[in-house]
Amino acid sequence: FPVTVFHNPACGTSRNVVAAIRQVGREPEVVEYLKSGW
């Protein structure tokens, strides 16, 4: 069940989302869009 998070590690909401995904047993693909761009 693929999960992708377009993430900013400096953002608490974004960190909470990654933690919530991991809590339910999924390992998200984390895209730091400030580095990779759009």
Full PDB file with SEQRES, HELIX, SHEET, SSBOND, CRYST1, ORIGX, SCALE, CONECT and MASTER records, all heavy atoms in Angstrom:
SEQRES   1 A   38  PHE PRO VAL THR VAL PHE HIS ASN PRO ALA CYS GLY THR          
SEQRES   2 A   38  SER ARG ASN VAL VAL ALA ALA ILE ARG GLN VAL GLY ARG          
SEQRES   3 A   38  GLU PRO GLU VAL VAL GLU TYR LEU LYS SER GLY TRP              
HELIX    1 AA1 GLY A   12  GLN A   23  1                                  12    
HELIX    2 AA2 TYR A   33  SER A   36  1                                   4    
SHEET    1 AA1 2 THR A   4  HIS A   7  0                                        
SHEET    2 AA1 2 GLU A  29  GLU A  32  1                                        
CRYST1    1.000    1.000    1.000  90.00  90.00  90.00 P 1           1          
ORIGX1      1.000000  0.000000  0.000000        0.00000                         
ORIGX2      0.000000  1.000000  0.000000        0.00000                         
ORIGX3      0.000000  0.000000  1.000000        0.00000                         
SCALE1      1.000000  0.000000  0.000000        0.00000                         
SCALE2      0.000000  1.000000  0.000000        0.00000                         
SCALE3      0.000000  0.000000  1.000000        0.00000                         
ATOM      1  N   PHE A   1       0.868  -1.175   0.000  1.00  0.00           N  
ATOM      2  CA  PHE A   1       0.000   0.000   0.000  1.00  0.00           C  
ATOM      3  C   PHE A   1       0.907   1.228   0.000  1.00  0.00           C  
ATOM      4  O   PHE A   1       1.314   1.722   1.044  1.00  0.00           O  
ATOM      5  CB  PHE A   1      -0.924   0.008   1.229  1.00  0.00           C  
ATOM      6  CG  PHE A   1      -1.966   1.101   1.159  1.00  0.00           C  
ATOM      7  CD1 PHE A   1      -3.150   0.889   0.472  1.00  0.00           C  
ATOM      8  CD2 PHE A   1      -1.741   2.336   1.740  1.00  0.00           C  
ATOM      9  CE1 PHE A   1      -4.105   1.900   0.393  1.00  0.00           C  
ATOM     10  CE2 PHE A   1      -2.684   3.348   1.670  1.00  0.00           C  
ATOM     11  CZ  PHE A   1      -3.876   3.131   0.990  1.00  0.00           C  
ATOM     12  N   PRO A   2       1.258   1.697  -1.195  1.00  0.00           N  
ATOM     13  CA  PRO A   2       2.221   2.797  -1.273  1.00  0.00           C  
ATOM     14  C   PRO A   2       1.651   4.113  -0.744  1.00  0.00           C  
ATOM     15  O   PRO A   2       0.502   4.454  -0.993  1.00  0.00           O  
ATOM     16  CB  PRO A   2       2.532   2.903  -2.768  1.00  0.00           C  
ATOM     17  CG  PRO A   2       1.361   2.287  -3.451  1.00  0.00           C  
ATOM     18  CD  PRO A   2       0.820   1.240  -2.510  1.00  0.00           C  
ATOM     19  N   VAL A   3       2.492   4.805   0.024  1.00  0.00           N  
ATOM     20  CA  VAL A   3       2.143   6.097   0.599  1.00  0.00           C  
ATOM     21  C   VAL A   3       3.299   7.049   0.310  1.00  0.00           C  
ATOM     22  O   VAL A   3       4.447   6.747   0.644  1.00  0.00           O  
ATOM     23  CB  VAL A   3       1.935   6.013   2.123  1.00  0.00           C  
ATOM     24  CG1 VAL A   3       1.580   7.376   2.701  1.00  0.00           C  
ATOM     25  CG2 VAL A   3       0.880   4.979   2.487  1.00  0.00           C  
ATOM     26  N   THR A   4       2.986   8.174  -0.294  1.00  0.00           N  
ATOM     27  CA  THR A   4       3.994   9.208  -0.538  1.00  0.00           C  
ATOM     28  C   THR A   4       3.593  10.449   0.230  1.00  0.00           C  
ATOM     29  O   THR A   4       2.441  10.879   0.172  1.00  0.00           O  
ATOM     30  CB  THR A   4       4.104   9.536  -2.046  1.00  0.00           C  
ATOM     31  OG1 THR A   4       4.433   8.341  -2.752  1.00  0.00           O  
ATOM     32  CG2 THR A   4       5.172  10.585  -2.302  1.00  0.00           C  
ATOM     33  N   VAL A   5       4.561  11.006   0.951  1.00  0.00           N  
ATOM     34  CA  VAL A   5       4.337  12.241   1.700  1.00  0.00           C  
ATOM     35  C   VAL A   5       5.265  13.311   1.130  1.00  0.00           C  
ATOM     36  O   VAL A   5       6.486  13.137   1.126  1.00  0.00           O  
ATOM     37  CB  VAL A   5       4.628  12.068   3.200  1.00  0.00           C  
ATOM     38  CG1 VAL A   5       4.395  13.387   3.941  1.00  0.00           C  
ATOM     39  CG2 VAL A   5       3.789  10.966   3.790  1.00  0.00           C  
ATOM     40  N   PHE A   6       4.681  14.387   0.662  1.00  0.00           N  
ATOM     41  CA  PHE A   6       5.444  15.553   0.237  1.00  0.00           C  
ATOM     42  C   PHE A   6       5.617  16.381   1.508  1.00  0.00           C  
ATOM     43  O   PHE A   6       4.671  16.973   2.023  1.00  0.00           O  
ATOM     44  CB  PHE A   6       4.724  16.289  -0.890  1.00  0.00           C  
ATOM     45  CG  PHE A   6       4.627  15.430  -2.122  1.00  0.00           C  
ATOM     46  CD1 PHE A   6       3.533  14.603  -2.327  1.00  0.00           C  
ATOM     47  CD2 PHE A   6       5.663  15.405  -3.044  1.00  0.00           C  
ATOM     48  CE1 PHE A   6       3.450  13.782  -3.437  1.00  0.00           C  
ATOM     49  CE2 PHE A   6       5.596  14.574  -4.162  1.00  0.00           C  
ATOM     50  CZ  PHE A   6       4.492  13.771  -4.360  1.00  0.00           C  
ATOM     51  N   HIS A   7       6.834  16.376   2.022  1.00  0.00           N  
ATOM     52  CA  HIS A   7       7.149  16.654   3.426  1.00  0.00           C  
ATOM     53  C   HIS A   7       8.130  17.811   3.572  1.00  0.00           C  
ATOM     54  O   HIS A   7       9.037  17.981   2.762  1.00  0.00           O  
ATOM     55  CB  HIS A   7       7.757  15.364   3.984  1.00  0.00           C  
ATOM     56  CG  HIS A   7       8.282  15.411   5.367  1.00  0.00           C  
ATOM     57  ND1 HIS A   7       7.497  15.651   6.463  1.00  0.00           N  
ATOM     58  CD2 HIS A   7       9.538  15.210   5.854  1.00  0.00           C  
ATOM     59  CE1 HIS A   7       8.242  15.589   7.564  1.00  0.00           C  
ATOM     60  NE2 HIS A   7       9.479  15.333   7.213  1.00  0.00           N  
ATOM     61  N   ASN A   8       7.935  18.564   4.657  1.00  0.00           N  
ATOM     62  CA  ASN A   8       8.901  19.556   5.105  1.00  0.00           C  
ATOM     63  C   ASN A   8       9.252  19.178   6.541  1.00  0.00           C  
ATOM     64  O   ASN A   8       8.408  19.301   7.432  1.00  0.00           O  
ATOM     65  CB  ASN A   8       8.306  20.967   5.042  1.00  0.00           C  
ATOM     66  CG  ASN A   8       9.261  22.017   5.554  1.00  0.00           C  
ATOM     67  OD1 ASN A   8      10.297  21.727   6.135  1.00  0.00           O  
ATOM     68  ND2 ASN A   8       8.913  23.269   5.338  1.00  0.00           N  
ATOM     69  N   PRO A   9      10.468  18.692   6.783  1.00  0.00           N  
ATOM     70  CA  PRO A   9      10.817  18.223   8.119  1.00  0.00           C  
ATOM     71  C   PRO A   9      10.806  19.326   9.180  1.00  0.00           C  
ATOM     72  O   PRO A   9      10.755  19.028  10.377  1.00  0.00           O  
ATOM     73  CB  PRO A   9      12.209  17.621   7.951  1.00  0.00           C  
ATOM     74  CG  PRO A   9      12.740  18.206   6.688  1.00  0.00           C  
ATOM     75  CD  PRO A   9      11.555  18.502   5.821  1.00  0.00           C  
ATOM     76  N   ALA A  10      10.796  20.588   8.787  1.00  0.00           N  
ATOM     77  CA  ALA A  10      10.734  21.695   9.745  1.00  0.00           C  
ATOM     78  C   ALA A  10       9.308  21.972  10.215  1.00  0.00           C  
ATOM     79  O   ALA A  10       9.095  22.763  11.125  1.00  0.00           O  
ATOM     80  CB  ALA A  10      11.331  22.961   9.120  1.00  0.00           C  
ATOM     81  N   CYS A  11       8.331  21.306   9.614  1.00  0.00           N  
ATOM     82  CA  CYS A  11       6.914  21.548   9.908  1.00  0.00           C  
ATOM     83  C   CYS A  11       6.377  20.469  10.852  1.00  0.00           C  
ATOM     84  O   CYS A  11       6.442  19.273  10.543  1.00  0.00           O  
ATOM     85  CB  CYS A  11       6.130  21.541   8.600  1.00  0.00           C  
ATOM     86  SG  CYS A  11       4.346  21.571   8.791  1.00  0.00           S  
ATOM     87  N   GLY A  12       5.831  20.902  11.997  1.00  0.00           N  
ATOM     88  CA  GLY A  12       5.277  19.957  12.957  1.00  0.00           C  
ATOM     89  C   GLY A  12       4.133  19.140  12.400  1.00  0.00           C  
ATOM     90  O   GLY A  12       4.027  17.941  12.668  1.00  0.00           O  
ATOM     91  N   THR A  13       3.261  19.759  11.624  1.00  0.00           N  
ATOM     92  CA  THR A  13       2.147  19.023  11.017  1.00  0.00           C  
ATOM     93  C   THR A  13       2.674  17.934  10.096  1.00  0.00           C  
ATOM     94  O   THR A  13       2.193  16.794  10.119  1.00  0.00           O  
ATOM     95  CB  THR A  13       1.212  19.976  10.248  1.00  0.00           C  
ATOM     96  OG1 THR A  13       0.718  20.964  11.153  1.00  0.00           O  
ATOM     97  CG2 THR A  13       0.055  19.228   9.613  1.00  0.00           C  
ATOM     98  N   SER A  14       3.679  18.264   9.325  1.00  0.00           N  
ATOM     99  CA  SER A  14       4.265  17.291   8.413  1.00  0.00           C  
ATOM    100  C   SER A  14       4.916  16.141   9.186  1.00  0.00           C  
ATOM    101  O   SER A  14       4.733  14.964   8.842  1.00  0.00           O  
ATOM    102  CB  SER A  14       5.286  18.003   7.514  1.00  0.00           C  
ATOM    103  OG  SER A  14       5.523  17.289   6.340  1.00  0.00           O  
ATOM    104  N   ARG A  15       5.618  16.458  10.245  1.00  0.00           N  
ATOM    105  CA  ARG A  15       6.231  15.396  11.075  1.00  0.00           C  
ATOM    106  C   ARG A  15       5.162  14.518  11.700  1.00  0.00           C  
ATOM    107  O   ARG A  15       5.314  13.286  11.766  1.00  0.00           O  
ATOM    108  CB  ARG A  15       7.130  16.001  12.157  1.00  0.00           C  
ATOM    109  CG  ARG A  15       8.394  16.645  11.613  1.00  0.00           C  
ATOM    110  CD  ARG A  15       9.368  17.010  12.726  1.00  0.00           C  
ATOM    111  NE  ARG A  15       8.802  17.852  13.762  1.00  0.00           N  
ATOM    112  CZ  ARG A  15       8.789  19.184  13.754  1.00  0.00           C  
ATOM    113  NH1 ARG A  15       9.325  19.839  12.735  1.00  0.00           N  
ATOM    114  NH2 ARG A  15       8.254  19.863  14.768  1.00  0.00           N  
ATOM    115  N   ASN A  16       4.062  15.121  12.162  1.00  0.00           N  
ATOM    116  CA  ASN A  16       2.963  14.333  12.733  1.00  0.00           C  
ATOM    117  C   ASN A  16       2.386  13.367  11.715  1.00  0.00           C  
ATOM    118  O   ASN A  16       2.031  12.230  12.048  1.00  0.00           O  
ATOM    119  CB  ASN A  16       1.858  15.255  13.258  1.00  0.00           C  
ATOM    120  CG  ASN A  16       2.179  15.857  14.602  1.00  0.00           C  
ATOM    121  OD1 ASN A  16       2.790  15.226  15.448  1.00  0.00           O  
ATOM    122  ND2 ASN A  16       1.769  17.099  14.797  1.00  0.00           N  
ATOM    123  N   VAL A  17       2.257  13.807  10.483  1.00  0.00           N  
ATOM    124  CA  VAL A  17       1.697  12.948   9.436  1.00  0.00           C  
ATOM    125  C   VAL A  17       2.605  11.752   9.174  1.00  0.00           C  
ATOM    126  O   VAL A  17       2.136  10.611   9.091  1.00  0.00           O  
ATOM    127  CB  VAL A  17       1.424  13.758   8.150  1.00  0.00           C  
ATOM    128  CG1 VAL A  17       1.216  12.847   6.952  1.00  0.00           C  
ATOM    129  CG2 VAL A  17       0.225  14.666   8.362  1.00  0.00           C  
ATOM    130  N   VAL A  18       3.892  11.981   9.068  1.00  0.00           N  
ATOM    131  CA  VAL A  18       4.826  10.867   8.855  1.00  0.00           C  
ATOM    132  C   VAL A  18       4.736   9.899  10.031  1.00  0.00           C  
ATOM    133  O   VAL A  18       4.683   8.677   9.843  1.00  0.00           O  
ATOM    134  CB  VAL A  18       6.263  11.383   8.631  1.00  0.00           C  
ATOM    135  CG1 VAL A  18       7.262  10.233   8.633  1.00  0.00           C  
ATOM    136  CG2 VAL A  18       6.350  12.161   7.307  1.00  0.00           C  
ATOM    137  N   ALA A  19       4.686  10.415  11.252  1.00  0.00           N  
ATOM    138  CA  ALA A  19       4.574   9.550  12.441  1.00  0.00           C  
ATOM    139  C   ALA A  19       3.268   8.758  12.424  1.00  0.00           C  
ATOM    140  O   ALA A  19       3.258   7.567  12.766  1.00  0.00           O  
ATOM    141  CB  ALA A  19       4.670  10.396  13.708  1.00  0.00           C  
ATOM    142  N   ALA A  20       2.167   9.396  12.030  1.00  0.00           N  
ATOM    143  CA  ALA A  20       0.868   8.707  11.986  1.00  0.00           C  
ATOM    144  C   ALA A  20       0.889   7.566  10.979  1.00  0.00           C  
ATOM    145  O   ALA A  20       0.356   6.480  11.239  1.00  0.00           O  
ATOM    146  CB  ALA A  20      -0.235   9.701  11.635  1.00  0.00           C  
ATOM    147  N   ILE A  21       1.498   7.794   9.847  1.00  0.00           N  
ATOM    148  CA  ILE A  21       1.589   6.747   8.821  1.00  0.00           C  
ATOM    149  C   ILE A  21       2.394   5.568   9.348  1.00  0.00           C  
ATOM    150  O   ILE A  21       1.995   4.411   9.190  1.00  0.00           O  
ATOM    151  CB  ILE A  21       2.203   7.320   7.528  1.00  0.00           C  
ATOM    152  CG1 ILE A  21       1.263   8.359   6.913  1.00  0.00           C  
ATOM    153  CG2 ILE A  21       2.524   6.198   6.543  1.00  0.00           C  
ATOM    154  CD1 ILE A  21       1.898   9.219   5.843  1.00  0.00           C  
ATOM    155  N   ARG A  22       3.480   5.868  10.002  1.00  0.00           N  
ATOM    156  CA  ARG A  22       4.313   4.800  10.564  1.00  0.00           C  
ATOM    157  C   ARG A  22       3.590   4.080  11.700  1.00  0.00           C  
ATOM    158  O   ARG A  22       3.753   2.866  11.861  1.00  0.00           O  
ATOM    159  CB  ARG A  22       5.645   5.371  11.025  1.00  0.00           C  
ATOM    160  CG  ARG A  22       6.516   5.763   9.842  1.00  0.00           C  
ATOM    161  CD  ARG A  22       7.842   6.347  10.247  1.00  0.00           C  
ATOM    162  NE  ARG A  22       8.668   6.532   9.050  1.00  0.00           N  
ATOM    163  CZ  ARG A  22       9.540   7.530   8.897  1.00  0.00           C  
ATOM    164  NH1 ARG A  22       9.738   8.396   9.880  1.00  0.00           N  
ATOM    165  NH2 ARG A  22      10.223   7.624   7.774  1.00  0.00           N  
ATOM    166  N   GLN A  23       2.784   4.795  12.462  1.00  0.00           N  
ATOM    167  CA  GLN A  23       2.038   4.178  13.569  1.00  0.00           C  
ATOM    168  C   GLN A  23       1.108   3.083  13.065  1.00  0.00           C  
ATOM    169  O   GLN A  23       0.880   2.097  13.761  1.00  0.00           O  
ATOM    170  CB  GLN A  23       1.230   5.234  14.333  1.00  0.00           C  
ATOM    171  CG  GLN A  23       0.420   4.638  15.471  1.00  0.00           C  
ATOM    172  CD  GLN A  23      -0.367   5.673  16.245  1.00  0.00           C  
ATOM    173  OE1 GLN A  23       0.110   6.763  16.500  1.00  0.00           O  
ATOM    174  NE2 GLN A  23      -1.591   5.331  16.621  1.00  0.00           N  
ATOM    175  N   VAL A  24       0.567   3.244  11.867  1.00  0.00           N  
ATOM    176  CA  VAL A  24      -0.343   2.221  11.336  1.00  0.00           C  
ATOM    177  C   VAL A  24       0.398   1.161  10.517  1.00  0.00           C  
ATOM    178  O   VAL A  24      -0.221   0.358   9.835  1.00  0.00           O  
ATOM    179  CB  VAL A  24      -1.509   2.843  10.514  1.00  0.00           C  
ATOM    180  CG1 VAL A  24      -2.361   3.733  11.397  1.00  0.00           C  
ATOM    181  CG2 VAL A  24      -1.012   3.563   9.284  1.00  0.00           C  
ATOM    182  N   GLY A  25       1.723   1.155  10.589  1.00  0.00           N  
ATOM    183  CA  GLY A  25       2.496   0.094   9.968  1.00  0.00           C  
ATOM    184  C   GLY A  25       2.860   0.301   8.517  1.00  0.00           C  
ATOM    185  O   GLY A  25       3.244  -0.652   7.837  1.00  0.00           O  
ATOM    186  N   ARG A  26       2.767   1.512   8.053  1.00  0.00           N  
ATOM    187  CA  ARG A  26       3.158   1.820   6.672  1.00  0.00           C  
ATOM    188  C   ARG A  26       4.443   2.636   6.700  1.00  0.00           C  
ATOM    189  O   ARG A  26       4.619   3.488   7.568  1.00  0.00           O  
ATOM    190  CB  ARG A  26       2.072   2.617   5.943  1.00  0.00           C  
ATOM    191  CG  ARG A  26       0.744   1.902   5.849  1.00  0.00           C  
ATOM    192  CD  ARG A  26       0.838   0.748   4.870  1.00  0.00           C  
ATOM    193  NE  ARG A  26      -0.406   0.013   4.786  1.00  0.00           N  
ATOM    194  CZ  ARG A  26      -0.545  -1.248   5.148  1.00  0.00           C  
ATOM    195  NH1 ARG A  26       0.485  -1.915   5.610  1.00  0.00           N  
ATOM    196  NH2 ARG A  26      -1.695  -1.850   5.031  1.00  0.00           N  
ATOM    197  N   GLU A  27       5.320   2.388   5.764  1.00  0.00           N  
ATOM    198  CA  GLU A  27       6.542   3.179   5.640  1.00  0.00           C  
ATOM    199  C   GLU A  27       6.406   4.052   4.402  1.00  0.00           C  
ATOM    200  O   GLU A  27       6.421   3.563   3.276  1.00  0.00           O  
ATOM    201  CB  GLU A  27       7.781   2.287   5.530  1.00  0.00           C  
ATOM    202  CG  GLU A  27       9.093   3.057   5.525  1.00  0.00           C  
ATOM    203  CD  GLU A  27       9.263   3.976   6.741  1.00  0.00           C  
ATOM    204  OE1 GLU A  27       8.889   3.595   7.879  1.00  0.00           O  
ATOM    205  OE2 GLU A  27       9.774   5.085   6.545  1.00  0.00           O  
ATOM    206  N   PRO A  28       6.233   5.359   4.609  1.00  0.00           N  
ATOM    207  CA  PRO A  28       5.997   6.236   3.473  1.00  0.00           C  
ATOM    208  C   PRO A  28       7.268   6.533   2.682  1.00  0.00           C  
ATOM    209  O   PRO A  28       8.376   6.520   3.232  1.00  0.00           O  
ATOM    210  CB  PRO A  28       5.488   7.519   4.134  1.00  0.00           C  
ATOM    211  CG  PRO A  28       6.180   7.543   5.461  1.00  0.00           C  
ATOM    212  CD  PRO A  28       6.220   6.086   5.882  1.00  0.00           C  
ATOM    213  N   GLU A  29       7.069   6.808   1.411  1.00  0.00           N  
ATOM    214  CA  GLU A  29       8.123   7.436   0.628  1.00  0.00           C  
ATOM    215  C   GLU A  29       8.035   8.918   0.985  1.00  0.00           C  
ATOM    216  O   GLU A  29       6.991   9.539   0.816  1.00  0.00           O  
ATOM    217  CB  GLU A  29       7.904   7.243  -0.872  1.00  0.00           C  
ATOM    218  CG  GLU A  29       8.928   7.982  -1.705  1.00  0.00           C  
ATOM    219  CD  GLU A  29       8.649   7.934  -3.188  1.00  0.00           C  
ATOM    220  OE1 GLU A  29       7.712   7.239  -3.624  1.00  0.00           O  
ATOM    221  OE2 GLU A  29       9.372   8.629  -3.929  1.00  0.00           O  
ATOM    222  N   VAL A  30       9.113   9.448   1.508  1.00  0.00           N  
ATOM    223  CA  VAL A  30       9.125  10.836   1.950  1.00  0.00           C  
ATOM    224  C   VAL A  30       9.861  11.664   0.906  1.00  0.00           C  
ATOM    225  O   VAL A  30      11.021  11.402   0.600  1.00  0.00           O  
ATOM    226  CB  VAL A  30       9.806  10.971   3.330  1.00  0.00           C  
ATOM    227  CG1 VAL A  30       9.927  12.436   3.736  1.00  0.00           C  
ATOM    228  CG2 VAL A  30       9.020  10.181   4.375  1.00  0.00           C  
ATOM    229  N   VAL A  31       9.164  12.645   0.361  1.00  0.00           N  
ATOM    230  CA  VAL A  31       9.738  13.538  -0.638  1.00  0.00           C  
ATOM    231  C   VAL A  31       9.896  14.910   0.008  1.00  0.00           C  
ATOM    232  O   VAL A  31       8.902  15.562   0.336  1.00  0.00           O  
ATOM    233  CB  VAL A  31       8.833  13.645  -1.889  1.00  0.00           C  
ATOM    234  CG1 VAL A  31       9.413  14.634  -2.890  1.00  0.00           C  
ATOM    235  CG2 VAL A  31       8.617  12.275  -2.508  1.00  0.00           C  
ATOM    236  N   GLU A  32      11.131  15.310   0.222  1.00  0.00           N  
ATOM    237  CA  GLU A  32      11.398  16.637   0.768  1.00  0.00           C  
ATOM    238  C   GLU A  32      11.367  17.626  -0.399  1.00  0.00           C  
ATOM    239  O   GLU A  32      12.380  17.919  -1.016  1.00  0.00           O  
ATOM    240  CB  GLU A  32      12.718  16.663   1.516  1.00  0.00           C  
ATOM    241  CG  GLU A  32      12.667  15.877   2.808  1.00  0.00           C  
ATOM    242  CD  GLU A  32      13.902  16.061   3.674  1.00  0.00           C  
ATOM    243  OE1 GLU A  32      14.481  17.168   3.668  1.00  0.00           O  
ATOM    244  OE2 GLU A  32      14.268  15.088   4.348  1.00  0.00           O  
ATOM    245  N   TYR A  33      10.185  18.129  -0.657  1.00  0.00           N  
ATOM    246  CA  TYR A  33       9.958  18.916  -1.862  1.00  0.00           C  
ATOM    247  C   TYR A  33      10.710  20.244  -1.880  1.00  0.00           C  
ATOM    248  O   TYR A  33      10.931  20.802  -2.948  1.00  0.00           O  
ATOM    249  CB  TYR A  33       8.458  19.134  -2.092  1.00  0.00           C  
ATOM    250  CG  TYR A  33       7.805  20.012  -1.049  1.00  0.00           C  
ATOM    251  CD1 TYR A  33       7.740  21.386  -1.219  1.00  0.00           C  
ATOM    252  CD2 TYR A  33       7.274  19.468   0.106  1.00  0.00           C  
ATOM    253  CE1 TYR A  33       7.152  22.188  -0.258  1.00  0.00           C  
ATOM    254  CE2 TYR A  33       6.685  20.261   1.061  1.00  0.00           C  
ATOM    255  CZ  TYR A  33       6.633  21.635   0.868  1.00  0.00           C  
ATOM    256  OH  TYR A  33       6.056  22.425   1.821  1.00  0.00           O  
ATOM    257  N   LEU A  34      11.138  20.729  -0.725  1.00  0.00           N  
ATOM    258  CA  LEU A  34      11.939  21.957  -0.731  1.00  0.00           C  
ATOM    259  C   LEU A  34      13.317  21.693  -1.328  1.00  0.00           C  
ATOM    260  O   LEU A  34      13.947  22.602  -1.868  1.00  0.00           O  
ATOM    261  CB  LEU A  34      12.070  22.535   0.674  1.00  0.00           C  
ATOM    262  CG  LEU A  34      10.779  23.078   1.279  1.00  0.00           C  
ATOM    263  CD1 LEU A  34      11.020  23.565   2.705  1.00  0.00           C  
ATOM    264  CD2 LEU A  34      10.180  24.190   0.427  1.00  0.00           C  
ATOM    265  N   LYS A  35      13.779  20.448  -1.238  1.00  0.00           N  
ATOM    266  CA  LYS A  35      15.055  20.055  -1.845  1.00  0.00           C  
ATOM    267  C   LYS A  35      14.865  19.610  -3.291  1.00  0.00           C  
ATOM    268  O   LYS A  35      15.636  19.976  -4.171  1.00  0.00           O  
ATOM    269  CB  LYS A  35      15.706  18.918  -1.054  1.00  0.00           C  
ATOM    270  CG  LYS A  35      16.179  19.312   0.319  1.00  0.00           C  
ATOM    271  CD  LYS A  35      16.797  18.106   1.016  1.00  0.00           C  
ATOM    272  CE  LYS A  35      17.247  18.442   2.426  1.00  0.00           C  
ATOM    273  NZ  LYS A  35      17.800  17.261   3.104  1.00  0.00           N  
ATOM    274  N   SER A  36      13.855  18.777  -3.513  1.00  0.00           N  
ATOM    275  CA  SER A  36      13.668  18.184  -4.846  1.00  0.00           C  
ATOM    276  C   SER A  36      12.926  19.100  -5.804  1.00  0.00           C  
ATOM    277  O   SER A  36      13.050  18.969  -7.015  1.00  0.00           O  
ATOM    278  CB  SER A  36      12.926  16.857  -4.740  1.00  0.00           C  
ATOM    279  OG  SER A  36      11.608  17.065  -4.239  1.00  0.00           O  
ATOM    280  N   GLY A  37      12.130  20.012  -5.255  1.00  0.00           N  
ATOM    281  CA  GLY A  37      11.322  20.893  -6.098  1.00  0.00           C  
ATOM    282  C   GLY A  37      10.083  20.184  -6.611  1.00  0.00           C  
ATOM    283  O   GLY A  37       9.798  19.039  -6.257  1.00  0.00           O  
ATOM    284  N   TRP A  38       9.341  20.915  -7.418  1.00  0.00           N  
ATOM    285  CA  TRP A  38       8.108  20.412  -8.028  1.00  0.00           C  
ATOM    286  C   TRP A  38       8.231  20.479  -9.534  1.00  0.00           C  
ATOM    287  O   TRP A  38       8.952  21.309 -10.061  1.00  0.00           O  
ATOM    288  CB  TRP A  38       6.915  21.285  -7.625  1.00  0.00           C  
ATOM    289  CG  TRP A  38       6.558  21.246  -6.190  1.00  0.00           C  
ATOM    290  CD1 TRP A  38       6.854  22.187  -5.253  1.00  0.00           C  
ATOM    291  CD2 TRP A  38       5.832  20.221  -5.510  1.00  0.00           C  
ATOM    292  NE1 TRP A  38       6.349  21.810  -4.030  1.00  0.00           N  
ATOM    293  CE2 TRP A  38       5.717  20.610  -4.166  1.00  0.00           C  
ATOM    294  CE3 TRP A  38       5.262  19.020  -5.919  1.00  0.00           C  
ATOM    295  CZ2 TRP A  38       5.057  19.847  -3.214  1.00  0.00           C  
ATOM    296  CZ3 TRP A  38       4.602  18.261  -4.974  1.00  0.00           C  
ATOM    297  CH2 TRP A  38       4.504  18.664  -3.646  1.00  0.00           C  
TER     298      TRP A  38                                                      
MASTER        0    0    0    2    2    0    0    6  297    1    0    3          
END                                                                             
